[in-house]
Amino acid sequence: MSSTQYSSLPATDLDNISGDIFVPGTSSDDNTLDEPVSATLMRDVRAVGNKFYHVLLPRDGSALLNDWDLWGPLILCTILALLLQGHGDSEHDGGPQFAQVFVIIWLGSGVVTLNSKLLDGKLSFFQSICVLGYCVLPLTVSAITVKILGTCLEKGFS
């Protein structure tokens, strides 16, 4: 808007025009633009670790639903896809490729989330993706355990 549009207002009204954007659920102390990158990364790592803890030892974590993130699901999906990835040898390759695991997990989460939204679920899309993504933690821990045991047994029998 040009300044000529405001010229019809009395000068006292122009002096009183001010405002502040308030977002419910946030405080004015949440401004993280000036903090160092290391502090931001550590805050995110602690949040992901806290969610891992709640997946392994479930308790009343309804407050965690409002604090969704996609870092944990991304990390878990990447680790699981790397562990399940085939060897490239067509004779002994029975495992899925990296992209297949990644797409199955994320599209599956998307379909479940869409179904929840169509059934009038109260979770947002990203909250649901976050919850379903963190539920991959037991599968990832199992895949790591199987990989370690398989490697140990191969070396023991060779």
N, C-alpha and C. Protein backbone atom coordinates (compact mmCIF):
# COMPACT_ATOMS: atom_id res chain seq x y z
N MET A 1 0.83 -1.17 0.00
CA MET A 1 0.00 0.00 0.00
C MET A 1 0.88 1.23 0.00
N SER A 2 0.43 2.23 -0.68
CA SER A 2 1.21 3.45 -0.76
C SER A 2 0.89 4.36 0.41
N SER A 3 1.76 5.31 0.64
CA SER A 3 1.56 6.24 1.75
C SER A 3 0.40 7.19 1.49
N THR A 4 -0.03 7.35 0.24
CA THR A 4 -1.15 8.24 -0.05
C THR A 4 -2.45 7.67 0.47
N GLN A 5 -2.53 6.34 0.59
CA GLN A 5 -3.74 5.72 1.12
C GLN A 5 -3.92 6.05 2.60
N TYR A 6 -2.85 6.27 3.30
CA TYR A 6 -2.91 6.57 4.72
C TYR A 6 -2.98 8.06 5.01
N SER A 7 -2.86 8.88 4.00
CA SER A 7 -2.84 10.32 4.22
C SER A 7 -4.18 10.84 4.72
N SER A 8 -5.27 10.07 4.50
CA SER A 8 -6.57 10.54 4.97
C SER A 8 -6.78 10.26 6.45
N LEU A 9 -5.92 9.42 7.06
CA LEU A 9 -6.04 9.15 8.48
C LEU A 9 -5.47 10.30 9.29
N PRO A 10 -6.07 10.59 10.43
CA PRO A 10 -5.49 11.62 11.30
C PRO A 10 -4.10 11.18 11.78
N ALA A 11 -3.25 12.13 12.08
CA ALA A 11 -1.88 11.84 12.49
C ALA A 11 -1.84 11.02 13.77
N THR A 12 -2.79 11.20 14.66
CA THR A 12 -2.79 10.44 15.91
C THR A 12 -3.03 8.95 15.65
N ASP A 13 -3.83 8.60 14.65
CA ASP A 13 -4.06 7.21 14.32
C ASP A 13 -2.81 6.56 13.73
N LEU A 14 -2.05 7.29 12.95
CA LEU A 14 -0.82 6.74 12.38
C LEU A 14 0.21 6.48 13.47
N ASP A 15 0.22 7.30 14.50
CA ASP A 15 1.18 7.10 15.58
C ASP A 15 0.84 5.88 16.43
N ASN A 16 -0.41 5.48 16.46
CA ASN A 16 -0.84 4.38 17.31
C ASN A 16 -0.87 3.04 16.59
N ILE A 17 -0.54 3.03 15.32
CA ILE A 17 -0.55 1.78 14.57
C ILE A 17 0.70 0.99 14.94
N SER A 18 0.49 -0.11 15.58
CA SER A 18 1.59 -1.01 15.94
C SER A 18 0.97 -2.37 16.21
N GLY A 19 1.79 -3.33 16.33
CA GLY A 19 1.25 -4.65 16.60
C GLY A 19 2.35 -5.64 16.85
N ASP A 20 1.92 -6.80 17.27
CA ASP A 20 2.85 -7.89 17.54
C ASP A 20 2.15 -9.17 17.13
N ILE A 21 2.89 -10.07 16.57
CA ILE A 21 2.31 -11.34 16.15
C ILE A 21 2.47 -12.31 17.30
N PHE A 22 1.36 -12.84 17.78
CA PHE A 22 1.38 -13.80 18.87
C PHE A 22 0.92 -15.15 18.34
N VAL A 23 1.73 -16.17 18.58
CA VAL A 23 1.39 -17.52 18.17
C VAL A 23 1.11 -18.31 19.44
N PRO A 24 -0.10 -18.87 19.58
CA PRO A 24 -0.42 -19.63 20.79
C PRO A 24 0.52 -20.81 20.97
N GLY A 25 0.92 -21.07 22.20
CA GLY A 25 1.79 -22.19 22.49
C GLY A 25 3.26 -21.85 22.43
N THR A 26 3.60 -20.63 22.11
CA THR A 26 5.00 -20.23 22.07
C THR A 26 5.21 -19.08 23.04
N SER A 27 6.44 -18.89 23.42
CA SER A 27 6.77 -17.76 24.27
C SER A 27 7.75 -16.87 23.53
N SER A 28 7.96 -15.70 24.06
CA SER A 28 8.88 -14.77 23.40
C SER A 28 10.33 -15.20 23.56
N ASP A 29 10.59 -16.18 24.47
CA ASP A 29 11.96 -16.65 24.68
C ASP A 29 12.38 -17.69 23.65
N ASP A 30 11.49 -18.09 22.76
CA ASP A 30 11.78 -19.14 21.78
C ASP A 30 12.52 -18.63 20.55
N ASN A 31 12.99 -17.40 20.55
CA ASN A 31 13.71 -16.86 19.41
C ASN A 31 15.09 -17.51 19.35
N THR A 32 15.30 -18.35 18.33
CA THR A 32 16.55 -19.10 18.23
C THR A 32 17.39 -18.63 17.05
N LEU A 33 17.07 -17.49 16.47
CA LEU A 33 17.83 -17.02 15.32
C LEU A 33 19.25 -16.61 15.68
N ASP A 34 19.46 -16.18 16.91
CA ASP A 34 20.78 -15.69 17.31
C ASP A 34 21.62 -16.74 18.03
N GLU A 35 21.08 -17.93 18.26
CA GLU A 35 21.86 -18.92 18.99
C GLU A 35 22.85 -19.62 18.06
N PRO A 36 23.95 -20.13 18.60
CA PRO A 36 24.93 -20.84 17.77
C PRO A 36 24.34 -22.13 17.19
N VAL A 37 24.92 -22.58 16.09
CA VAL A 37 24.45 -23.80 15.43
C VAL A 37 24.62 -25.00 16.35
N SER A 38 25.70 -25.03 17.12
CA SER A 38 25.93 -26.16 18.03
C SER A 38 24.82 -26.26 19.07
N ALA A 39 24.34 -25.14 19.56
CA ALA A 39 23.23 -25.15 20.54
C ALA A 39 21.95 -25.66 19.88
N THR A 40 21.71 -25.28 18.65
CA THR A 40 20.53 -25.74 17.92
C THR A 40 20.60 -27.25 17.70
N LEU A 41 21.77 -27.73 17.27
CA LEU A 41 21.93 -29.17 17.04
C LEU A 41 21.77 -29.96 18.32
N MET A 42 22.35 -29.47 19.42
CA MET A 42 22.23 -30.18 20.69
C MET A 42 20.78 -30.20 21.18
N ARG A 43 20.05 -29.13 20.98
CA ARG A 43 18.64 -29.09 21.37
C ARG A 43 17.86 -30.13 20.57
N ASP A 44 18.14 -30.23 19.26
CA ASP A 44 17.45 -31.20 18.42
C ASP A 44 17.83 -32.64 18.79
N VAL A 45 19.11 -32.87 19.09
CA VAL A 45 19.56 -34.21 19.48
C VAL A 45 18.90 -34.63 20.79
N ARG A 46 18.80 -33.70 21.75
CA ARG A 46 18.13 -34.01 23.02
C ARG A 46 16.65 -34.31 22.79
N ALA A 47 16.01 -33.58 21.91
CA ALA A 47 14.59 -33.82 21.63
C ALA A 47 14.38 -35.18 20.97
N VAL A 48 15.26 -35.54 20.04
CA VAL A 48 15.16 -36.86 19.39
C VAL A 48 15.43 -37.96 20.40
N GLY A 49 16.43 -37.78 21.25
CA GLY A 49 16.73 -38.76 22.30
C GLY A 49 15.57 -38.93 23.27
N ASN A 50 14.91 -37.85 23.61
CA ASN A 50 13.76 -37.91 24.49
C ASN A 50 12.63 -38.71 23.86
N LYS A 51 12.44 -38.53 22.57
CA LYS A 51 11.39 -39.29 21.87
C LYS A 51 11.77 -40.76 21.74
N PHE A 52 13.06 -41.05 21.53
CA PHE A 52 13.51 -42.45 21.52
C PHE A 52 13.21 -43.10 22.87
N TYR A 53 13.47 -42.37 23.95
CA TYR A 53 13.21 -42.87 25.29
C TYR A 53 11.73 -43.18 25.48
N HIS A 54 10.86 -42.30 24.97
CA HIS A 54 9.43 -42.52 25.11
C HIS A 54 8.93 -43.66 24.23
N VAL A 55 9.62 -43.95 23.14
CA VAL A 55 9.23 -45.10 22.32
C VAL A 55 9.61 -46.39 23.03
N LEU A 56 10.78 -46.43 23.65
CA LEU A 56 11.23 -47.64 24.33
C LEU A 56 10.52 -47.87 25.65
N LEU A 57 10.22 -46.80 26.37
CA LEU A 57 9.49 -46.88 27.65
C LEU A 57 8.28 -45.96 27.58
N PRO A 58 7.18 -46.44 26.98
CA PRO A 58 6.03 -45.57 26.77
C PRO A 58 5.40 -45.12 28.10
N ARG A 59 5.09 -43.87 28.15
CA ARG A 59 4.37 -43.26 29.27
C ARG A 59 3.39 -42.27 28.67
N ASP A 60 2.77 -41.49 29.54
CA ASP A 60 1.86 -40.47 29.05
C ASP A 60 2.68 -39.39 28.36
N GLY A 61 2.67 -39.39 27.05
CA GLY A 61 3.48 -38.45 26.29
C GLY A 61 2.65 -37.61 25.35
N SER A 62 1.46 -37.22 25.78
CA SER A 62 0.61 -36.45 24.89
C SER A 62 1.22 -35.08 24.58
N ALA A 63 2.06 -34.58 25.49
CA ALA A 63 2.73 -33.30 25.22
C ALA A 63 3.74 -33.43 24.09
N LEU A 64 4.27 -34.65 23.90
CA LEU A 64 5.24 -34.87 22.82
C LEU A 64 4.59 -34.75 21.45
N LEU A 65 3.29 -34.97 21.36
CA LEU A 65 2.62 -34.90 20.06
C LEU A 65 2.67 -33.49 19.49
N ASN A 66 2.63 -32.50 20.35
CA ASN A 66 2.68 -31.13 19.87
C ASN A 66 4.08 -30.70 19.48
N ASP A 67 5.08 -31.45 19.90
CA ASP A 67 6.48 -31.13 19.61
C ASP A 67 7.01 -32.12 18.58
N TRP A 68 6.40 -32.14 17.41
CA TRP A 68 6.78 -33.11 16.40
C TRP A 68 8.05 -32.67 15.67
N ASP A 69 8.77 -33.62 15.16
CA ASP A 69 9.92 -33.36 14.31
C ASP A 69 10.07 -34.53 13.35
N LEU A 70 10.85 -34.33 12.32
CA LEU A 70 11.07 -35.40 11.34
C LEU A 70 12.51 -35.88 11.33
N TRP A 71 13.35 -35.37 12.25
CA TRP A 71 14.75 -35.81 12.30
C TRP A 71 14.86 -37.27 12.72
N GLY A 72 14.18 -37.65 13.78
CA GLY A 72 14.24 -39.03 14.26
C GLY A 72 13.76 -40.03 13.22
N PRO A 73 12.56 -39.82 12.64
CA PRO A 73 12.11 -40.74 11.60
C PRO A 73 13.07 -40.81 10.41
N LEU A 74 13.65 -39.68 10.04
CA LEU A 74 14.60 -39.68 8.92
C LEU A 74 15.84 -40.51 9.26
N ILE A 75 16.36 -40.33 10.45
CA ILE A 75 17.55 -41.09 10.89
C ILE A 75 17.24 -42.58 10.96
N LEU A 76 16.11 -42.92 11.59
CA LEU A 76 15.75 -44.33 11.73
C LEU A 76 15.51 -44.99 10.38
N CYS A 77 14.83 -44.31 9.50
CA CYS A 77 14.54 -44.86 8.18
C CYS A 77 15.82 -45.04 7.37
N THR A 78 16.73 -44.10 7.49
CA THR A 78 18.00 -44.19 6.76
C THR A 78 18.83 -45.36 7.27
N ILE A 79 18.93 -45.50 8.59
CA ILE A 79 19.70 -46.61 9.17
C ILE A 79 19.09 -47.94 8.78
N LEU A 80 17.75 -48.05 8.89
CA LEU A 80 17.09 -49.30 8.53
C LEU A 80 17.28 -49.63 7.06
N ALA A 81 17.17 -48.64 6.19
CA ALA A 81 17.36 -48.88 4.76
C ALA A 81 18.78 -49.31 4.45
N LEU A 82 19.77 -48.71 5.13
CA LEU A 82 21.16 -49.11 4.91
C LEU A 82 21.42 -50.53 5.40
N LEU A 83 20.81 -50.90 6.53
CA LEU A 83 21.01 -52.25 7.06
C LEU A 83 20.32 -53.32 6.22
N LEU A 84 19.18 -53.00 5.65
CA LEU A 84 18.42 -53.99 4.87
C LEU A 84 18.81 -54.01 3.40
N GLN A 85 19.66 -53.09 3.01
CA GLN A 85 20.06 -52.98 1.61
C GLN A 85 20.73 -54.26 1.14
N GLY A 86 20.41 -54.66 -0.08
CA GLY A 86 21.01 -55.86 -0.66
C GLY A 86 22.49 -55.65 -0.96
N HIS A 87 23.17 -56.75 -1.24
CA HIS A 87 24.61 -56.70 -1.48
C HIS A 87 24.97 -56.37 -2.92
N GLY A 88 24.03 -56.46 -3.83
CA GLY A 88 24.32 -56.21 -5.23
C GLY A 88 24.64 -57.48 -5.99
N ASP A 89 24.83 -58.57 -5.29
CA ASP A 89 25.10 -59.86 -5.91
C ASP A 89 23.74 -60.49 -6.23
N SER A 90 23.44 -60.66 -7.51
CA SER A 90 22.11 -61.12 -7.91
C SER A 90 21.82 -62.54 -7.43
N GLU A 91 22.87 -63.34 -7.18
CA GLU A 91 22.66 -64.72 -6.76
C GLU A 91 22.19 -64.80 -5.30
N HIS A 92 22.76 -63.98 -4.43
CA HIS A 92 22.43 -64.02 -3.01
C HIS A 92 21.68 -62.77 -2.55
N ASP A 93 21.24 -61.97 -3.46
CA ASP A 93 20.61 -60.71 -3.09
C ASP A 93 19.11 -60.90 -2.95
N GLY A 94 18.67 -61.03 -1.70
CA GLY A 94 17.24 -61.15 -1.45
C GLY A 94 16.69 -59.91 -0.78
N GLY A 95 17.57 -58.98 -0.43
CA GLY A 95 17.14 -57.80 0.32
C GLY A 95 16.69 -56.67 -0.58
N PRO A 96 15.88 -55.81 -0.04
CA PRO A 96 15.42 -54.65 -0.81
C PRO A 96 16.51 -53.62 -0.97
N GLN A 97 16.36 -52.79 -1.94
CA GLN A 97 17.31 -51.70 -2.14
C GLN A 97 16.95 -50.54 -1.22
N PHE A 98 17.88 -49.62 -1.06
CA PHE A 98 17.72 -48.49 -0.14
C PHE A 98 16.45 -47.72 -0.42
N ALA A 99 16.21 -47.37 -1.66
CA ALA A 99 15.05 -46.55 -2.00
C ALA A 99 13.73 -47.28 -1.74
N GLN A 100 13.73 -48.60 -1.91
CA GLN A 100 12.51 -49.36 -1.67
C GLN A 100 12.10 -49.29 -0.20
N VAL A 101 13.05 -49.47 0.70
CA VAL A 101 12.75 -49.39 2.13
C VAL A 101 12.28 -47.99 2.48
N PHE A 102 13.00 -47.02 1.99
CA PHE A 102 12.68 -45.63 2.28
C PHE A 102 11.27 -45.29 1.80
N VAL A 103 10.94 -45.66 0.58
CA VAL A 103 9.63 -45.34 0.00
C VAL A 103 8.52 -46.11 0.71
N ILE A 104 8.74 -47.37 1.03
CA ILE A 104 7.71 -48.16 1.71
C ILE A 104 7.37 -47.57 3.06
N ILE A 105 8.38 -47.18 3.83
CA ILE A 105 8.12 -46.63 5.16
C ILE A 105 7.41 -45.29 5.07
N TRP A 106 7.90 -44.40 4.21
CA TRP A 106 7.32 -43.06 4.16
C TRP A 106 5.95 -43.05 3.48
N LEU A 107 5.77 -43.82 2.40
CA LEU A 107 4.45 -43.89 1.78
C LEU A 107 3.46 -44.61 2.68
N GLY A 108 3.92 -45.66 3.37
CA GLY A 108 3.04 -46.34 4.33
C GLY A 108 2.59 -45.41 5.43
N SER A 109 3.51 -44.61 5.95
CA SER A 109 3.15 -43.62 6.97
C SER A 109 2.17 -42.60 6.41
N GLY A 110 2.39 -42.21 5.19
CA GLY A 110 1.49 -41.25 4.55
C GLY A 110 0.09 -41.81 4.37
N VAL A 111 -0.01 -43.08 3.98
CA VAL A 111 -1.32 -43.71 3.79
C VAL A 111 -2.05 -43.85 5.12
N VAL A 112 -1.33 -44.29 6.16
CA VAL A 112 -1.96 -44.41 7.48
C VAL A 112 -2.41 -43.04 7.99
N THR A 113 -1.60 -42.03 7.76
CA THR A 113 -1.94 -40.67 8.17
C THR A 113 -3.16 -40.16 7.41
N LEU A 114 -3.20 -40.40 6.12
CA LEU A 114 -4.35 -39.99 5.32
C LEU A 114 -5.62 -40.70 5.80
N ASN A 115 -5.50 -41.98 6.11
CA ASN A 115 -6.64 -42.72 6.63
C ASN A 115 -7.11 -42.12 7.95
N SER A 116 -6.17 -41.76 8.81
CA SER A 116 -6.53 -41.13 10.09
C SER A 116 -7.23 -39.81 9.87
N LYS A 117 -6.74 -39.02 8.93
CA LYS A 117 -7.38 -37.72 8.65
C LYS A 117 -8.77 -37.91 8.06
N LEU A 118 -8.95 -38.91 7.20
CA LEU A 118 -10.27 -39.16 6.62
C LEU A 118 -11.26 -39.66 7.66
N LEU A 119 -10.76 -40.29 8.73
CA LEU A 119 -11.62 -40.75 9.81
C LEU A 119 -11.76 -39.69 10.90
N ASP A 120 -11.45 -38.44 10.55
CA ASP A 120 -11.58 -37.29 11.44
C ASP A 120 -10.63 -37.38 12.64
N GLY A 121 -9.40 -37.81 12.38
CA GLY A 121 -8.39 -37.85 13.43
C GLY A 121 -7.98 -36.45 13.84
N LYS A 122 -7.55 -36.32 15.07
CA LYS A 122 -7.20 -35.00 15.60
C LYS A 122 -5.72 -34.67 15.44
N LEU A 123 -4.93 -35.60 14.94
CA LEU A 123 -3.51 -35.35 14.73
C LEU A 123 -3.29 -34.66 13.40
N SER A 124 -2.28 -33.80 13.36
CA SER A 124 -1.91 -33.21 12.08
C SER A 124 -1.13 -34.24 11.27
N PHE A 125 -0.94 -33.94 10.01
CA PHE A 125 -0.23 -34.87 9.13
C PHE A 125 1.18 -35.13 9.64
N PHE A 126 1.91 -34.08 10.00
CA PHE A 126 3.29 -34.25 10.43
C PHE A 126 3.39 -34.87 11.82
N GLN A 127 2.42 -34.65 12.68
CA GLN A 127 2.42 -35.33 13.98
C GLN A 127 2.30 -36.83 13.79
N SER A 128 1.42 -37.23 12.90
CA SER A 128 1.22 -38.65 12.64
C SER A 128 2.45 -39.28 11.99
N ILE A 129 3.05 -38.58 11.04
CA ILE A 129 4.28 -39.08 10.40
C ILE A 129 5.38 -39.22 11.45
N CYS A 130 5.46 -38.26 12.37
CA CYS A 130 6.47 -38.30 13.42
C CYS A 130 6.26 -39.53 14.32
N VAL A 131 5.03 -39.76 14.77
CA VAL A 131 4.74 -40.89 15.64
C VAL A 131 5.05 -42.20 14.94
N LEU A 132 4.56 -42.34 13.70
CA LEU A 132 4.80 -43.58 12.97
C LEU A 132 6.28 -43.78 12.64
N GLY A 133 6.98 -42.68 12.38
CA GLY A 133 8.41 -42.77 12.09
C GLY A 133 9.21 -43.23 13.30
N TYR A 134 8.86 -42.74 14.48
CA TYR A 134 9.56 -43.17 15.69
C TYR A 134 9.23 -44.61 16.07
N CYS A 135 8.11 -45.12 15.59
CA CYS A 135 7.74 -46.52 15.87
C CYS A 135 8.62 -47.50 15.10
N VAL A 136 9.45 -47.01 14.20
CA VAL A 136 10.39 -47.86 13.46
C VAL A 136 11.62 -48.17 14.32
N LEU A 137 11.77 -47.50 15.47
CA LEU A 137 12.94 -47.71 16.33
C LEU A 137 13.15 -49.18 16.72
N PRO A 138 12.12 -49.91 17.19
CA PRO A 138 12.37 -51.33 17.52
C PRO A 138 12.82 -52.15 16.31
N LEU A 139 12.29 -51.86 15.12
CA LEU A 139 12.74 -52.58 13.92
C LEU A 139 14.20 -52.27 13.62
N THR A 140 14.59 -51.03 13.81
CA THR A 140 15.97 -50.63 13.54
C THR A 140 16.92 -51.28 14.54
N VAL A 141 16.53 -51.29 15.81
CA VAL A 141 17.36 -51.94 16.83
C VAL A 141 17.48 -53.43 16.53
N SER A 142 16.40 -54.07 16.12
CA SER A 142 16.44 -55.49 15.76
C SER A 142 17.35 -55.73 14.56
N ALA A 143 17.27 -54.87 13.56
CA ALA A 143 18.11 -55.02 12.37
C ALA A 143 19.59 -54.85 12.74
N ILE A 144 19.90 -53.91 13.62
CA ILE A 144 21.29 -53.74 14.07
C ILE A 144 21.77 -54.98 14.80
N THR A 145 20.93 -55.53 15.68
CA THR A 145 21.29 -56.73 16.43
C THR A 145 21.52 -57.92 15.51
N VAL A 146 20.64 -58.11 14.54
CA VAL A 146 20.79 -59.23 13.60
C VAL A 146 22.06 -59.05 12.77
N LYS A 147 22.35 -57.83 12.35
CA LYS A 147 23.56 -57.57 11.55
C LYS A 147 24.82 -57.89 12.35
N ILE A 148 24.83 -57.46 13.62
CA ILE A 148 26.00 -57.72 14.48
C ILE A 148 26.14 -59.21 14.74
N LEU A 149 25.05 -59.90 15.09
CA LEU A 149 25.12 -61.33 15.34
C LEU A 149 25.49 -62.10 14.08
N GLY A 150 24.96 -61.70 12.94
CA GLY A 150 25.31 -62.36 11.69
C GLY A 150 26.78 -62.22 11.36
N THR A 151 27.33 -61.03 11.59
CA THR A 151 28.75 -60.79 11.34
C THR A 151 29.60 -61.63 12.29
N CYS A 152 29.21 -61.67 13.56
CA CYS A 152 29.97 -62.47 14.56
C CYS A 152 29.92 -63.95 14.24
N LEU A 153 28.77 -64.44 13.84
CA LEU A 153 28.65 -65.86 13.52
C LEU A 153 29.40 -66.22 12.25
N GLU A 154 29.40 -65.33 11.25
CA GLU A 154 30.16 -65.59 10.02
C GLU A 154 31.64 -65.71 10.32
N LYS A 155 32.16 -64.82 11.15
CA LYS A 155 33.58 -64.86 11.49
C LYS A 155 33.92 -66.06 12.35
N GLY A 156 32.95 -66.52 13.17
CA GLY A 156 33.18 -67.67 14.02
C GLY A 156 33.21 -68.97 13.26
N PHE A 157 32.46 -69.10 12.17
CA PHE A 157 32.39 -70.32 11.40
C PHE A 157 33.38 -70.36 10.25
N SER A 158 34.04 -69.27 9.97
CA SER A 158 34.98 -69.24 8.85
C SER A 158 36.32 -69.79 9.20
